[in-house]
C-alpha cells in the first residue's frame, strides 16, 4: 500500500509539474541554454541552478526576484569538480541583473535590459574569457504564441566585456522554445558570435548552435540535457558538440 501511495505521489508531481518547462510551467524562462530571454524571476522568489559540462565543469547560480520586474543573481563555477586533477575555480564570480522595461501584451513582446558577467565552459586566463563569452550588457525580447501548447520566440542583442582577442563587436542571438505536452520543452538558440570570429578568437565564424530538452519534474524543479556547439565552431582543442546537464529549483522566500 505504501508503495502505491509513493508511486501516486511521484506521478502527481509529473502531471502537475510547476518548473519552467512545458505548457503547465509556473515560471517563465529566463534563459534558454546560454542566451538570455526577457523573462525575469518573480518578486519574492529565489532560483538556484547548476550546469554540469565537459572538463568536469560545475557552475552554480543563485537569483532573487528583488522587486516587480527586477532580479539580481550571483554565480560561480570550477573545472575538474568531476573527474581527476586539481579543481580550478573560475577567476571571478559572475553577476546578473535584469530589469523588464515592457511587459508582453497581445501585440508587443516583453523587453528586458540587463547585465551578465558569467560565461560558460572553461575560463582561459591568457585570453581573459570563457569558451562561450558572457553576455555583458544586453537587451532581450520575448513573445509567446499559442500553438499546440506554446511557442516562444526570443531575440537578444549584447555587448560582452570579455576577452583580449580584439573582437568586442555588438552581437546577436536568436532562440525558440516549444512546449511538448504539459511538462517538456525543446529549446534551440543560435549565437551569431560576431564578437568571436576574428583572427585571435576561439570561434571559427559559423556561430554557436545550442539545443536542449528540459523537463519539469515537480513543484519548482526543472531538469535538462543541453548540447552546445552543434556547428563545431571552435578553432582549438576538441571541436565537437558538448553535452551538459542542467538543474534548477525555484521557491518563494518572502
Protein backbone atom coordinates (compact mmCIF):
# COMPACT_ATOMS: atom_id res chain seq x y z
CA UNK A 1 0.00 0.00 0.00
CA UNK A 2 2.80 2.40 0.90
CA UNK A 3 4.46 1.71 -2.46
CA UNK A 4 1.23 2.50 -4.30
CA UNK A 5 0.89 5.79 -2.40
CA UNK A 6 4.54 6.69 -3.15
CA UNK A 7 4.06 5.89 -6.84
CA UNK A 8 0.95 8.05 -6.87
CA UNK A 9 2.83 10.99 -5.37
CA UNK A 10 5.59 10.65 -7.98
CA UNK A 11 3.10 10.51 -10.85
CA UNK A 12 1.25 13.51 -9.41
CA UNK A 13 4.48 15.52 -9.38
CA UNK A 14 4.87 14.86 -13.12
CA UNK A 15 1.24 15.57 -14.01
CA UNK A 16 1.13 18.83 -12.07
CA UNK A 17 4.74 19.87 -12.71
CA UNK A 18 5.47 23.51 -11.97
CA UNK A 19 9.01 24.14 -13.15
CA UNK A 20 9.93 26.26 -16.17
CA UNK A 21 9.31 23.61 -18.87
CA UNK A 22 6.10 22.57 -20.58
CA UNK A 23 2.73 24.20 -21.15
CA UNK A 24 1.85 23.91 -17.44
CA UNK A 25 5.04 25.67 -16.29
CA UNK A 26 4.56 28.07 -13.41
CA UNK A 27 7.69 30.11 -14.12
CA UNK A 28 8.89 31.76 -17.33
CA UNK A 29 12.22 31.00 -18.98
CA UNK A 30 14.94 33.50 -18.02
CA UNK A 31 17.44 31.91 -20.39
CA UNK A 32 17.35 29.02 -22.87
CA UNK A 33 20.73 27.23 -22.90
CA UNK A 34 23.05 30.23 -22.62
CA UNK A 35 21.15 33.12 -24.23
CA UNK A 36 19.06 35.49 -22.16
CA UNK A 37 15.31 35.93 -22.60
CA UNK A 38 13.04 38.74 -21.42
CA UNK A 39 11.95 36.53 -18.51
CA UNK A 40 12.54 37.91 -15.01
CA UNK A 41 12.20 35.99 -11.77
CA UNK A 42 9.04 36.88 -9.86
CA UNK A 43 9.31 39.12 -6.82
CA UNK A 44 9.83 37.14 -3.63
CA UNK A 45 11.24 34.01 -5.31
CA UNK A 46 14.75 32.57 -5.34
CA UNK A 47 16.15 30.35 -8.10
CA UNK A 48 19.13 28.05 -7.59
CA UNK A 49 20.54 26.38 -10.70
CA UNK A 50 23.55 24.35 -11.77
CA UNK A 51 25.20 23.38 -15.06
CA UNK A 52 27.42 20.31 -15.43
CA UNK A 53 29.62 20.50 -18.53
CA UNK A 54 32.66 18.80 -20.12
CA UNK A 55 36.10 19.02 -18.43
CA UNK A 56 34.39 18.33 -15.09
CA UNK A 57 32.94 21.84 -15.00
CA UNK A 58 30.20 22.55 -12.48
CA UNK A 59 28.70 26.02 -12.08
CA UNK A 60 26.08 27.34 -9.66
CA UNK A 61 23.76 30.32 -9.93
CA UNK A 62 21.50 31.92 -7.34
CA UNK A 63 19.00 34.58 -8.42
CA UNK A 64 16.44 36.53 -6.38
CA UNK A 65 13.36 38.41 -7.53
CA UNK A 66 14.03 41.63 -5.64
CA UNK A 67 11.18 43.82 -6.89
CA UNK A 68 8.49 43.51 -9.53
CA UNK A 69 10.29 43.05 -12.89
CA UNK A 70 13.73 43.27 -11.27
CA UNK A 71 16.00 40.34 -10.37
CA UNK A 72 19.61 40.02 -9.23
CA UNK A 73 21.90 37.00 -9.08
CA UNK A 74 25.42 35.72 -8.49
CA UNK A 75 27.22 32.70 -9.91
CA UNK A 76 30.45 30.76 -9.64
CA UNK A 77 31.98 27.61 -11.06
CA UNK A 78 35.09 25.47 -11.36
CA UNK A 79 36.80 22.95 -13.64
CA UNK A 80 37.69 19.36 -12.66
CA UNK A 81 35.00 19.25 -9.98
CA UNK A 82 34.04 15.90 -11.51
CA UNK A 83 36.87 13.63 -12.62
CA UNK A 84 40.54 13.82 -11.73
CA UNK A 85 43.12 16.56 -11.24
CA UNK A 86 43.13 19.73 -9.22
CA UNK A 87 39.93 21.73 -9.02
CA UNK A 88 40.40 25.05 -10.83
CA UNK A 89 37.94 27.72 -9.77
CA UNK A 90 36.77 30.49 -12.07
CA UNK A 91 38.83 33.65 -11.67
CA UNK A 92 35.86 35.79 -10.63
CA UNK A 93 32.28 35.19 -9.53
CA UNK A 94 29.65 36.28 -12.02
CA UNK A 95 26.75 38.67 -11.53
CA UNK A 96 23.47 39.07 -13.38
CA UNK A 97 20.97 41.92 -13.21
CA UNK A 98 17.71 42.01 -15.18
CA UNK A 99 15.05 44.72 -15.39
CA UNK A 100 11.97 44.29 -17.57
CA UNK A 101 11.05 47.56 -19.25
CA UNK A 102 7.93 46.37 -21.09
CA UNK A 103 5.58 43.51 -20.25
CA UNK A 104 4.32 41.38 -23.12
CA UNK A 105 0.83 42.10 -24.46
CA UNK A 106 -1.19 40.88 -27.45
CA UNK A 107 0.91 42.84 -29.94
CA UNK A 108 4.24 43.74 -28.30
CA UNK A 109 6.96 41.41 -26.97
CA UNK A 110 8.37 41.71 -23.48
CA UNK A 111 11.58 43.77 -23.38
CA UNK A 112 14.30 43.43 -20.74
CA UNK A 113 17.61 45.18 -20.10
CA UNK A 114 20.38 43.51 -18.17
CA UNK A 115 24.00 42.69 -17.44
CA UNK A 116 25.57 39.24 -17.14
CA UNK A 117 29.28 38.62 -16.48
CA UNK A 118 29.13 34.81 -16.25
CA UNK A 119 30.22 32.91 -19.36
CA UNK A 120 30.09 29.14 -19.96
CA UNK A 121 32.75 26.46 -20.25
CA UNK A 122 36.44 26.76 -19.42
CA UNK A 123 37.96 30.07 -18.42
CA UNK A 124 41.12 30.98 -20.39
CA UNK A 125 43.42 33.14 -18.26
CA UNK A 126 45.61 34.08 -21.22
CA UNK A 127 42.60 35.33 -23.21
CA UNK A 128 40.60 36.69 -20.25
CA UNK A 129 37.46 34.93 -21.44
CA UNK A 130 35.28 31.81 -21.22
CA UNK A 131 34.80 29.28 -24.02
CA UNK A 132 31.41 30.92 -24.57
CA UNK A 133 31.58 34.60 -23.74
CA UNK A 134 29.29 36.14 -21.16
CA UNK A 135 26.52 38.42 -22.44
CA UNK A 136 27.86 41.56 -20.81
CA UNK A 137 25.30 44.31 -21.39
CA UNK A 138 22.21 43.02 -23.18
CA UNK A 139 18.66 43.72 -24.26
CA UNK A 140 16.32 40.77 -24.75
CA UNK A 141 12.85 40.48 -26.31
CA UNK A 142 10.39 37.57 -25.99
CA UNK A 143 6.97 36.82 -27.50
CA UNK A 144 4.72 33.84 -26.75
CA UNK A 145 2.17 32.27 -29.08
CA UNK A 146 -0.48 29.60 -28.52
CA UNK A 147 0.47 26.80 -30.94
CA UNK A 148 -0.04 23.15 -29.95
CA UNK A 149 0.76 24.30 -26.44
CA UNK A 150 3.08 27.30 -26.57
CA UNK A 151 5.71 28.57 -28.97
CA UNK A 152 8.05 31.28 -27.66
CA UNK A 153 10.39 33.37 -29.82
CA UNK A 154 13.38 35.16 -28.31
CA UNK A 155 15.98 37.64 -29.50
CA UNK A 156 18.99 39.18 -27.78
CA UNK A 157 21.45 41.94 -28.61
CA UNK A 158 24.54 42.03 -26.39
CA UNK A 159 27.95 43.60 -25.91
CA UNK A 160 30.38 41.39 -23.98
CA UNK A 161 33.25 42.89 -21.99
CA UNK A 162 35.25 39.66 -22.14
CA UNK A 163 38.42 38.86 -23.95
CA UNK A 164 41.75 40.22 -25.11
CA UNK A 165 41.05 38.90 -28.63
CA UNK A 166 40.36 42.36 -30.10
CA UNK A 167 36.87 41.16 -31.04
CA UNK A 168 34.36 43.09 -28.96
CA UNK A 169 31.63 43.71 -31.50
CA UNK A 170 27.92 44.04 -30.90
CA UNK A 171 26.42 40.55 -31.06
CA UNK A 172 23.01 38.99 -31.77
CA UNK A 173 21.31 35.79 -30.62
CA UNK A 174 18.02 34.15 -31.58
CA UNK A 175 16.11 31.37 -29.87
CA UNK A 176 12.89 29.40 -29.67
CA UNK A 177 11.12 27.34 -27.03
CA UNK A 178 8.42 24.82 -27.98
CA UNK A 179 6.40 23.07 -25.32
CA UNK A 180 5.79 19.35 -25.80
CA UNK A 181 2.94 18.44 -23.51
CA UNK A 182 2.48 19.83 -20.02
CA UNK A 183 5.96 19.17 -18.65
CA UNK A 184 8.52 19.14 -21.50
CA UNK A 185 10.08 21.92 -23.60
CA UNK A 186 12.51 21.86 -26.51
CA UNK A 187 14.83 24.90 -26.61
CA UNK A 188 17.07 25.92 -29.51
CA UNK A 189 19.29 29.01 -29.77
CA UNK A 190 21.73 30.44 -32.29
CA UNK A 191 24.52 32.78 -31.21
CA UNK A 192 25.87 34.60 -34.27
CA UNK A 193 29.16 35.08 -32.35
CA UNK A 194 30.04 38.24 -34.25
CA UNK A 195 32.20 39.03 -31.22
CA UNK A 196 34.04 35.69 -31.51
CA UNK A 197 35.08 35.27 -35.15
CA UNK A 198 38.25 37.32 -35.51
CA UNK A 199 41.86 36.27 -36.05
CA UNK A 200 42.55 35.89 -32.32
CA UNK A 201 39.15 34.46 -31.32
CA UNK A 202 38.18 30.93 -30.35
CA UNK A 203 35.23 30.87 -32.76
CA UNK A 204 35.60 29.87 -36.40
CA UNK A 205 32.93 32.09 -37.95
CA UNK A 206 29.94 29.72 -38.05
CA UNK A 207 28.35 30.84 -34.80
CA UNK A 208 27.19 28.64 -31.93
CA UNK A 209 24.07 26.50 -32.25
CA UNK A 210 22.83 25.08 -28.93
CA UNK A 211 19.81 22.97 -28.07
CA UNK A 212 18.26 21.28 -25.07
CA UNK A 213 15.37 19.25 -23.73
CA UNK A 214 14.04 20.47 -20.37
CA UNK A 215 11.56 18.67 -18.14
CA UNK A 216 9.57 19.97 -15.15
CA UNK A 217 9.85 17.24 -12.53
CA UNK A 218 7.84 18.79 -9.73
CA UNK A 219 6.98 21.99 -7.97
CA UNK A 220 9.71 24.46 -8.92
CA UNK A 221 12.15 21.81 -10.15
CA UNK A 222 13.46 21.56 -13.74
CA UNK A 223 15.99 19.13 -15.23
CA UNK A 224 17.56 19.45 -18.67
CA UNK A 225 20.03 17.92 -21.09
CA UNK A 226 21.81 20.52 -23.23
CA UNK A 227 24.02 20.34 -26.32
CA UNK A 228 26.39 23.19 -27.14
CA UNK A 229 28.45 23.94 -30.27
CA UNK A 230 26.44 21.76 -32.66
CA UNK A 231 28.05 23.58 -35.62
CA UNK A 232 31.55 22.74 -34.35
CA UNK A 233 32.61 26.37 -34.33
CA UNK A 234 35.81 26.18 -32.26
CA UNK A 235 39.32 26.57 -33.64
CA UNK A 236 41.18 24.94 -30.74
CA UNK A 237 41.04 21.82 -28.55
CA UNK A 238 38.30 19.22 -29.15
CA UNK A 239 35.83 20.71 -31.61
CA UNK A 240 32.58 18.78 -31.30
CA UNK A 241 29.16 19.08 -29.71
CA UNK A 242 29.36 19.32 -25.93
CA UNK A 243 26.88 17.53 -23.68
CA UNK A 244 25.72 19.12 -20.45
CA UNK A 245 23.18 18.69 -17.67
CA UNK A 246 21.04 21.45 -16.19
CA UNK A 247 19.23 21.61 -12.83
CA UNK A 248 17.05 24.37 -11.42
CA UNK A 249 14.90 24.84 -8.33
CA UNK A 250 12.65 27.86 -7.71
CA UNK A 251 10.89 28.56 -4.42
CA UNK A 252 9.30 31.54 -2.59
CA UNK A 253 11.38 33.24 0.12
CA UNK A 254 9.21 36.21 1.08
